[in-house]
């Protein structure tokens, strides 16, 4: 994602990619990620201590959400 974002925030509009190119590049990036990765928390590169603790709270919330999701409607939609 960083190279795409960097290209999108270049000073001056001329070197920036068009929206069509951005959509194409984002689709490629998105298709290379798993469902788990897409729903994972974004972390800073220099984070250390929170990296050890926050995933547990994040995944606990995620599991609690899926546990409360109505099973029959989930099966119909997937």
PDB file of N, CA and C in Angstrom:
ATOM      1  N   UNK A   1       0.810  -1.197   0.000  1.00  0.00           N
ATOM      2  CA  UNK A   1       0.000   0.000   0.000  1.00  0.00           C
ATOM      3  C   UNK A   1       0.852   1.259   0.000  1.00  0.00           C
ATOM      4  N   UNK A   2       2.002   1.215   0.661  1.00  0.00           N
ATOM      5  CA  UNK A   2       2.830   2.421   0.784  1.00  0.00           C
ATOM      6  C   UNK A   2       3.225   3.001  -0.574  1.00  0.00           C
ATOM      7  N   UNK A   3       3.664   2.179  -1.548  1.00  0.00           N
ATOM      8  CA  UNK A   3       4.006   2.766  -2.848  1.00  0.00           C
ATOM      9  C   UNK A   3       2.804   3.425  -3.537  1.00  0.00           C
ATOM     10  N   UNK A   4       1.633   2.824  -3.392  1.00  0.00           N
ATOM     11  CA  UNK A   4       0.434   3.414  -3.990  1.00  0.00           C
ATOM     12  C   UNK A   4       0.107   4.750  -3.333  1.00  0.00           C
ATOM     13  N   UNK A   5       0.132   4.787  -2.024  1.00  0.00           N
ATOM     14  CA  UNK A   5      -0.155   6.033  -1.305  1.00  0.00           C
ATOM     15  C   UNK A   5       0.888   7.088  -1.640  1.00  0.00           C
ATOM     16  N   UNK A   6       2.159   6.690  -1.682  1.00  0.00           N
ATOM     17  CA  UNK A   6       3.219   7.643  -2.032  1.00  0.00           C
ATOM     18  C   UNK A   6       2.982   8.257  -3.410  1.00  0.00           C
ATOM     19  N   UNK A   7       2.581   7.423  -4.381  1.00  0.00           N
ATOM     20  CA  UNK A   7       2.299   7.939  -5.726  1.00  0.00           C
ATOM     21  C   UNK A   7       1.096   8.881  -5.735  1.00  0.00           C
ATOM     22  N   UNK A   8       0.135   8.619  -4.862  1.00  0.00           N
ATOM     23  CA  UNK A   8      -1.080   9.432  -4.839  1.00  0.00           C
ATOM     24  C   UNK A   8      -0.879  10.787  -4.172  1.00  0.00           C
ATOM     25  N   UNK A   9       0.159  10.940  -3.361  1.00  0.00           N
ATOM     26  CA  UNK A   9       0.359  12.207  -2.656  1.00  0.00           C
ATOM     27  C   UNK A   9       1.553  12.995  -3.181  1.00  0.00           C
ATOM     28  N   UNK A  10       2.005  12.666  -4.378  1.00  0.00           N
ATOM     29  CA  UNK A  10       3.105  13.411  -4.994  1.00  0.00           C
ATOM     30  C   UNK A  10       2.670  14.854  -5.193  1.00  0.00           C
ATOM     31  N   UNK A  11       3.592  15.766  -4.971  1.00  0.00           N
ATOM     32  CA  UNK A  11       3.284  17.186  -5.136  1.00  0.00           C
ATOM     33  C   UNK A  11       2.988  17.472  -6.610  1.00  0.00           C
ATOM     34  N   UNK A  12       1.915  18.130  -6.861  1.00  0.00           N
ATOM     35  CA  UNK A  12       1.521  18.445  -8.235  1.00  0.00           C
ATOM     36  C   UNK A  12       0.714  17.304  -8.826  1.00  0.00           C
ATOM     37  N   UNK A  13      -0.363  17.599  -9.521  1.00  0.00           N
ATOM     38  CA  UNK A  13      -1.257  16.564 -10.036  1.00  0.00           C
ATOM     39  C   UNK A  13      -0.733  15.780 -11.241  1.00  0.00           C
ATOM     40  N   UNK A  14       0.181  16.328 -12.000  1.00  0.00           N
ATOM     41  CA  UNK A  14       0.624  15.671 -13.237  1.00  0.00           C
ATOM     42  C   UNK A  14       1.219  14.278 -13.014  1.00  0.00           C
ATOM     43  N   UNK A  15       2.122  14.083 -12.058  1.00  0.00           N
ATOM     44  CA  UNK A  15       2.708  12.746 -11.900  1.00  0.00           C
ATOM     45  C   UNK A  15       1.833  11.750 -11.135  1.00  0.00           C
ATOM     46  N   UNK A  16       0.737  12.213 -10.564  1.00  0.00           N
ATOM     47  CA  UNK A  16      -0.137  11.309  -9.813  1.00  0.00           C
ATOM     48  C   UNK A  16      -0.864  10.353 -10.749  1.00  0.00           C
ATOM     49  N   UNK A  17      -1.137   9.133 -10.289  1.00  0.00           N
ATOM     50  CA  UNK A  17      -1.890   8.193 -11.128  1.00  0.00           C
ATOM     51  C   UNK A  17      -3.355   8.618 -11.235  1.00  0.00           C
ATOM     52  N   UNK A  18      -3.975   8.228 -12.328  1.00  0.00           N
ATOM     53  CA  UNK A  18      -5.403   8.506 -12.496  1.00  0.00           C
ATOM     54  C   UNK A  18      -6.189   7.596 -11.557  1.00  0.00           C
ATOM     55  N   UNK A  19      -7.446   7.915 -11.347  1.00  0.00           N
ATOM     56  CA  UNK A  19      -8.276   7.099 -10.460  1.00  0.00           C
ATOM     57  C   UNK A  19      -8.409   5.681 -11.003  1.00  0.00           C
ATOM     58  N   UNK A  20      -8.440   5.532 -12.329  1.00  0.00           N
ATOM     59  CA  UNK A  20      -8.532   4.192 -12.918  1.00  0.00           C
ATOM     60  C   UNK A  20      -7.291   3.364 -12.590  1.00  0.00           C
ATOM     61  N   UNK A  21      -6.122   3.980 -12.665  1.00  0.00           N
ATOM     62  CA  UNK A  21      -4.873   3.283 -12.323  1.00  0.00           C
ATOM     63  C   UNK A  21      -4.840   2.939 -10.832  1.00  0.00           C
ATOM     64  N   UNK A  22      -5.319   3.860 -10.009  1.00  0.00           N
ATOM     65  CA  UNK A  22      -5.353   3.616  -8.564  1.00  0.00           C
ATOM     66  C   UNK A  22      -6.252   2.419  -8.262  1.00  0.00           C
ATOM     67  N   UNK A  23      -7.415   2.373  -8.891  1.00  0.00           N
ATOM     68  CA  UNK A  23      -8.344   1.265  -8.674  1.00  0.00           C
ATOM     69  C   UNK A  23      -7.715  -0.051  -9.110  1.00  0.00           C
ATOM     70  N   UNK A  24      -7.039  -0.057 -10.252  1.00  0.00           N
ATOM     71  CA  UNK A  24      -6.376  -1.275 -10.728  1.00  0.00           C
ATOM     72  C   UNK A  24      -5.296  -1.728  -9.757  1.00  0.00           C
ATOM     73  N   UNK A  25      -4.467  -0.808  -9.332  1.00  0.00           N
ATOM     74  CA  UNK A  25      -3.377  -1.160  -8.414  1.00  0.00           C
ATOM     75  C   UNK A  25      -3.918  -1.628  -7.066  1.00  0.00           C
ATOM     76  N   UNK A  26      -4.972  -0.960  -6.572  1.00  0.00           N
ATOM     77  CA  UNK A  26      -5.562  -1.370  -5.305  1.00  0.00           C
ATOM     78  C   UNK A  26      -6.170  -2.764  -5.419  1.00  0.00           C
ATOM     79  N   UNK A  27      -6.797  -3.062  -6.547  1.00  0.00           N
ATOM     80  CA  UNK A  27      -7.387  -4.390  -6.745  1.00  0.00           C
ATOM     81  C   UNK A  27      -6.313  -5.478  -6.697  1.00  0.00           C
ATOM     82  N   UNK A  28      -5.156  -5.204  -7.289  1.00  0.00           N
ATOM     83  CA  UNK A  28      -4.050  -6.167  -7.250  1.00  0.00           C
ATOM     84  C   UNK A  28      -3.568  -6.357  -5.812  1.00  0.00           C
ATOM     85  N   UNK A  29      -3.414  -5.257  -5.094  1.00  0.00           N
ATOM     86  CA  UNK A  29      -2.970  -5.334  -3.694  1.00  0.00           C
ATOM     87  C   UNK A  29      -3.988  -6.103  -2.861  1.00  0.00           C
ATOM     88  N   UNK A  30      -5.248  -5.760  -3.022  1.00  0.00           N
ATOM     89  CA  UNK A  30      -6.308  -6.399  -2.234  1.00  0.00           C
ATOM     90  C   UNK A  30      -6.398  -7.887  -2.525  1.00  0.00           C
ATOM     91  N   UNK A  31      -6.256  -8.285  -3.773  1.00  0.00           N
ATOM     92  CA  UNK A  31      -6.371  -9.702  -4.121  1.00  0.00           C
ATOM     93  C   UNK A  31      -5.207 -10.529  -3.585  1.00  0.00           C
ATOM     94  N   UNK A  32      -4.110  -9.873  -3.240  1.00  0.00           N
ATOM     95  CA  UNK A  32      -2.961 -10.609  -2.709  1.00  0.00           C
ATOM     96  C   UNK A  32      -3.057 -10.828  -1.199  1.00  0.00           C
ATOM     97  N   UNK A  33      -4.072 -10.257  -0.555  1.00  0.00           N
ATOM     98  CA  UNK A  33      -4.221 -10.373   0.894  1.00  0.00           C
ATOM     99  C   UNK A  33      -5.345 -11.336   1.256  1.00  0.00           C
ATOM    100  N   UNK A  34      -5.167 -12.039   2.359  1.00  0.00           N
ATOM    101  CA  UNK A  34      -6.209 -12.941   2.838  1.00  0.00           C
ATOM    102  C   UNK A  34      -7.276 -12.145   3.580  1.00  0.00           C
ATOM    103  N   UNK A  35      -8.393 -12.785   3.834  1.00  0.00           N
ATOM    104  CA  UNK A  35      -9.466 -12.149   4.600  1.00  0.00           C
ATOM    105  C   UNK A  35      -8.965 -11.758   5.982  1.00  0.00           C
ATOM    106  N   UNK A  36      -8.164 -12.595   6.589  1.00  0.00           N
ATOM    107  CA  UNK A  36      -7.621 -12.323   7.922  1.00  0.00           C
ATOM    108  C   UNK A  36      -6.719 -11.092   7.890  1.00  0.00           C
ATOM    109  N   UNK A  37      -5.880 -10.993   6.854  1.00  0.00           N
ATOM    110  CA  UNK A  37      -4.980  -9.843   6.737  1.00  0.00           C
ATOM    111  C   UNK A  37      -5.754  -8.549   6.515  1.00  0.00           C
ATOM    112  N   UNK A  38      -6.808  -8.613   5.724  1.00  0.00           N
ATOM    113  CA  UNK A  38      -7.595  -7.416   5.444  1.00  0.00           C
ATOM    114  C   UNK A  38      -8.286  -6.882   6.692  1.00  0.00           C
ATOM    115  N   UNK A  39      -8.593  -7.755   7.625  1.00  0.00           N
ATOM    116  CA  UNK A  39      -9.295  -7.340   8.837  1.00  0.00           C
ATOM    117  C   UNK A  39      -8.364  -7.146  10.023  1.00  0.00           C
ATOM    118  N   UNK A  40      -7.076  -7.317   9.800  1.00  0.00           N
ATOM    119  CA  UNK A  40      -6.105  -7.143  10.879  1.00  0.00           C
ATOM    120  C   UNK A  40      -5.888  -5.671  11.179  1.00  0.00           C
ATOM    121  N   UNK A  41      -5.475  -5.421  12.396  1.00  0.00           N
ATOM    122  CA  UNK A  41      -5.209  -4.064  12.838  1.00  0.00           C
ATOM    123  C   UNK A  41      -3.945  -3.537  12.175  1.00  0.00           C
ATOM    124  N   UNK A  42      -3.968  -2.288  11.763  1.00  0.00           N
ATOM    125  CA  UNK A  42      -2.789  -1.644  11.187  1.00  0.00           C
ATOM    126  C   UNK A  42      -1.898  -1.199  12.338  1.00  0.00           C
ATOM    127  N   UNK A  43      -0.601  -1.502  12.241  1.00  0.00           N
ATOM    128  CA  UNK A  43       0.329  -1.125  13.301  1.00  0.00           C
ATOM    129  C   UNK A  43       1.466  -0.300  12.728  1.00  0.00           C
ATOM    130  N   UNK A  44       2.071   0.488  13.591  1.00  0.00           N
ATOM    131  CA  UNK A  44       3.240   1.268  13.198  1.00  0.00           C
ATOM    132  C   UNK A  44       4.452   0.349  13.153  1.00  0.00           C
ATOM    133  N   UNK A  45       5.409   0.680  12.290  1.00  0.00           N
ATOM    134  CA  UNK A  45       6.604  -0.144  12.172  1.00  0.00           C
ATOM    135  C   UNK A  45       7.420  -0.167  13.457  1.00  0.00           C
ATOM    136  N   UNK A  46       7.417   0.923  14.205  1.00  0.00           N
ATOM    137  CA  UNK A  46       8.246   0.998  15.402  1.00  0.00           C
ATOM    138  C   UNK A  46       7.504   0.600  16.682  1.00  0.00           C
ATOM    139  N   UNK A  47       6.297   0.059  16.545  1.00  0.00           N
ATOM    140  CA  UNK A  47       5.538  -0.376  17.711  1.00  0.00           C
ATOM    141  C   UNK A  47       6.146  -1.659  18.263  1.00  0.00           C
ATOM    142  N   UNK A  48       6.322  -1.743  19.566  1.00  0.00           N
ATOM    143  CA  UNK A  48       6.822  -2.987  20.141  1.00  0.00           C
ATOM    144  C   UNK A  48       5.861  -3.529  21.192  1.00  0.00           C
ATOM    145  N   UNK A  49       5.728  -2.814  22.309  1.00  0.00           N
ATOM    146  CA  UNK A  49       4.896  -3.311  23.401  1.00  0.00           C
ATOM    147  C   UNK A  49       3.441  -3.522  22.976  1.00  0.00           C
ATOM    148  N   UNK A  50       2.810  -2.552  22.332  1.00  0.00           N
ATOM    149  CA  UNK A  50       1.422  -2.780  21.911  1.00  0.00           C
ATOM    150  C   UNK A  50       1.279  -3.954  20.951  1.00  0.00           C
ATOM    151  N   UNK A  51       2.333  -4.249  20.200  1.00  0.00           N
ATOM    152  CA  UNK A  51       2.268  -5.381  19.278  1.00  0.00           C
ATOM    153  C   UNK A  51       2.055  -6.668  20.062  1.00  0.00           C
ATOM    154  N   UNK A  52       2.595  -6.724  21.258  1.00  0.00           N
ATOM    155  CA  UNK A  52       2.460  -7.927  22.066  1.00  0.00           C
ATOM    156  C   UNK A  52       1.073  -8.064  22.687  1.00  0.00           C
ATOM    157  N   UNK A  53       0.422  -6.944  22.994  1.00  0.00           N
ATOM    158  CA  UNK A  53      -0.853  -6.989  23.701  1.00  0.00           C
ATOM    159  C   UNK A  53      -2.075  -6.735  22.832  1.00  0.00           C
ATOM    160  N   UNK A  54      -1.981  -5.800  21.928  1.00  0.00           N
ATOM    161  CA  UNK A  54      -3.171  -5.404  21.168  1.00  0.00           C
ATOM    162  C   UNK A  54      -3.757  -6.501  20.294  1.00  0.00           C
ATOM    163  N   UNK A  55      -2.952  -7.357  19.690  1.00  0.00           N
ATOM    164  CA  UNK A  55      -3.588  -8.403  18.875  1.00  0.00           C
ATOM    165  C   UNK A  55      -4.577  -9.244  19.671  1.00  0.00           C
ATOM    166  N   UNK A  56      -4.283  -9.482  20.952  1.00  0.00           N
ATOM    167  CA  UNK A  56      -5.194 -10.284  21.753  1.00  0.00           C
ATOM    168  C   UNK A  56      -6.539  -9.597  21.906  1.00  0.00           C
ATOM    169  N   UNK A  57      -6.533  -8.309  22.186  1.00  0.00           N
ATOM    170  CA  UNK A  57      -7.802  -7.596  22.323  1.00  0.00           C
ATOM    171  C   UNK A  57      -8.508  -7.486  20.975  1.00  0.00           C
ATOM    172  N   UNK A  58      -7.741  -7.283  19.913  1.00  0.00           N
ATOM    173  CA  UNK A  58      -8.332  -7.187  18.575  1.00  0.00           C
ATOM    174  C   UNK A  58      -9.015  -8.502  18.201  1.00  0.00           C
ATOM    175  N   UNK A  59      -8.304  -9.618  18.371  1.00  0.00           N
ATOM    176  CA  UNK A  59      -8.863 -10.908  17.982  1.00  0.00           C
ATOM    177  C   UNK A  59      -9.983 -11.338  18.920  1.00  0.00           C
ATOM    178  N   UNK A  60      -9.920 -10.947  20.182  1.00  0.00           N
ATOM    179  CA  UNK A  60     -11.016 -11.234  21.099  1.00  0.00           C
ATOM    180  C   UNK A  60     -12.289 -10.535  20.623  1.00  0.00           C
ATOM    181  N   UNK A  61     -12.168  -9.250  20.243  1.00  0.00           N
ATOM    182  CA  UNK A  61     -13.331  -8.519  19.718  1.00  0.00           C
ATOM    183  C   UNK A  61     -13.828  -9.162  18.431  1.00  0.00           C
ATOM    184  N   UNK A  62     -12.917  -9.583  17.592  1.00  0.00           N
ATOM    185  CA  UNK A  62     -13.305 -10.189  16.316  1.00  0.00           C
ATOM    186  C   UNK A  62     -14.036 -11.507  16.541  1.00  0.00           C
ATOM    187  N   UNK A  63     -13.534 -12.341  17.427  1.00  0.00           N
ATOM    188  CA  UNK A  63     -14.183 -13.615  17.732  1.00  0.00           C
ATOM    189  C   UNK A  63     -15.553 -13.370  18.354  1.00  0.00           C
ATOM    190  N   UNK A  64     -15.640 -12.385  19.253  1.00  0.00           N
ATOM    191  CA  UNK A  64     -16.921 -12.059  19.878  1.00  0.00           C
ATOM    192  C   UNK A  64     -17.927 -11.585  18.825  1.00  0.00           C
ATOM    193  N   UNK A  65     -17.464 -10.811  17.836  1.00  0.00           N
ATOM    194  CA  UNK A  65     -18.352 -10.358  16.762  1.00  0.00           C
ATOM    195  C   UNK A  65     -18.879 -11.551  15.976  1.00  0.00           C
ATOM    196  N   UNK A  66     -17.989 -12.452  15.560  1.00  0.00           N
ATOM    197  CA  UNK A  66     -18.421 -13.603  14.773  1.00  0.00           C
ATOM    198  C   UNK A  66     -19.316 -14.534  15.581  1.00  0.00           C
ATOM    199  N   UNK A  67     -19.059 -14.644  16.879  1.00  0.00           N
ATOM    200  CA  UNK A  67     -19.899 -15.490  17.726  1.00  0.00           C
ATOM    201  C   UNK A  67     -21.308 -14.923  17.846  1.00  0.00           C
ATOM    202  N   UNK A  68     -21.449 -13.610  17.760  1.00  0.00           N
ATOM    203  CA  UNK A  68     -22.771 -12.993  17.874  1.00  0.00           C
ATOM    204  C   UNK A  68     -23.479 -12.867  16.529  1.00  0.00           C
ATOM    205  N   UNK A  69     -22.791 -13.183  15.437  1.00  0.00           N
ATOM    206  CA  UNK A  69     -23.359 -13.058  14.103  1.00  0.00           C
ATOM    207  C   UNK A  69     -24.401 -14.150  13.892  1.00  0.00           C
ATOM    208  N   UNK A  70     -25.587 -13.812  13.394  1.00  0.00           N
ATOM    209  CA  UNK A  70     -26.611 -14.838  13.170  1.00  0.00           C
ATOM    210  C   UNK A  70     -26.133 -15.880  12.166  1.00  0.00           C
ATOM    211  N   UNK A  71     -26.103 -17.102  12.583  1.00  0.00           N
ATOM    212  CA  UNK A  71     -25.540 -18.179  11.775  1.00  0.00           C
ATOM    213  C   UNK A  71     -26.317 -18.407  10.481  1.00  0.00           C
ATOM    214  N   UNK A  72     -27.649 -18.437  10.539  1.00  0.00           N
ATOM    215  CA  UNK A  72     -28.425 -18.740   9.348  1.00  0.00           C
ATOM    216  C   UNK A  72     -28.249 -17.692   8.256  1.00  0.00           C
ATOM    217  N   UNK A  73     -28.206 -16.418   8.598  1.00  0.00           N
ATOM    218  CA  UNK A  73     -28.009 -15.396   7.568  1.00  0.00           C
ATOM    219  C   UNK A  73     -26.576 -15.428   7.050  1.00  0.00           C
ATOM    220  N   UNK A  74     -25.633 -15.793   7.895  1.00  0.00           N
ATOM    221  CA  UNK A  74     -24.240 -15.910   7.446  1.00  0.00           C
ATOM    222  C   UNK A  74     -24.128 -17.014   6.400  1.00  0.00           C
ATOM    223  N   UNK A  75     -24.762 -18.144   6.639  1.00  0.00           N
ATOM    224  CA  UNK A  75     -24.683 -19.256   5.699  1.00  0.00           C
ATOM    225  C   UNK A  75     -25.390 -18.934   4.390  1.00  0.00           C
ATOM    226  N   UNK A  76     -26.472 -18.177   4.445  1.00  0.00           N
ATOM    227  CA  UNK A  76     -27.171 -17.805   3.213  1.00  0.00           C
ATOM    228  C   UNK A  76     -26.330 -16.887   2.347  1.00  0.00           C
ATOM    229  N   UNK A  77     -25.563 -15.990   2.962  1.00  0.00           N
ATOM    230  CA  UNK A  77     -24.791 -15.001   2.216  1.00  0.00           C
ATOM    231  C   UNK A  77     -23.427 -15.507   1.792  1.00  0.00           C
ATOM    232  N   UNK A  78     -22.971 -16.632   2.303  1.00  0.00           N
ATOM    233  CA  UNK A  78     -21.624 -17.097   1.965  1.00  0.00           C
ATOM    234  C   UNK A  78     -21.661 -18.458   1.402  1.00  0.00           C
TER     235      UNK A  78
END
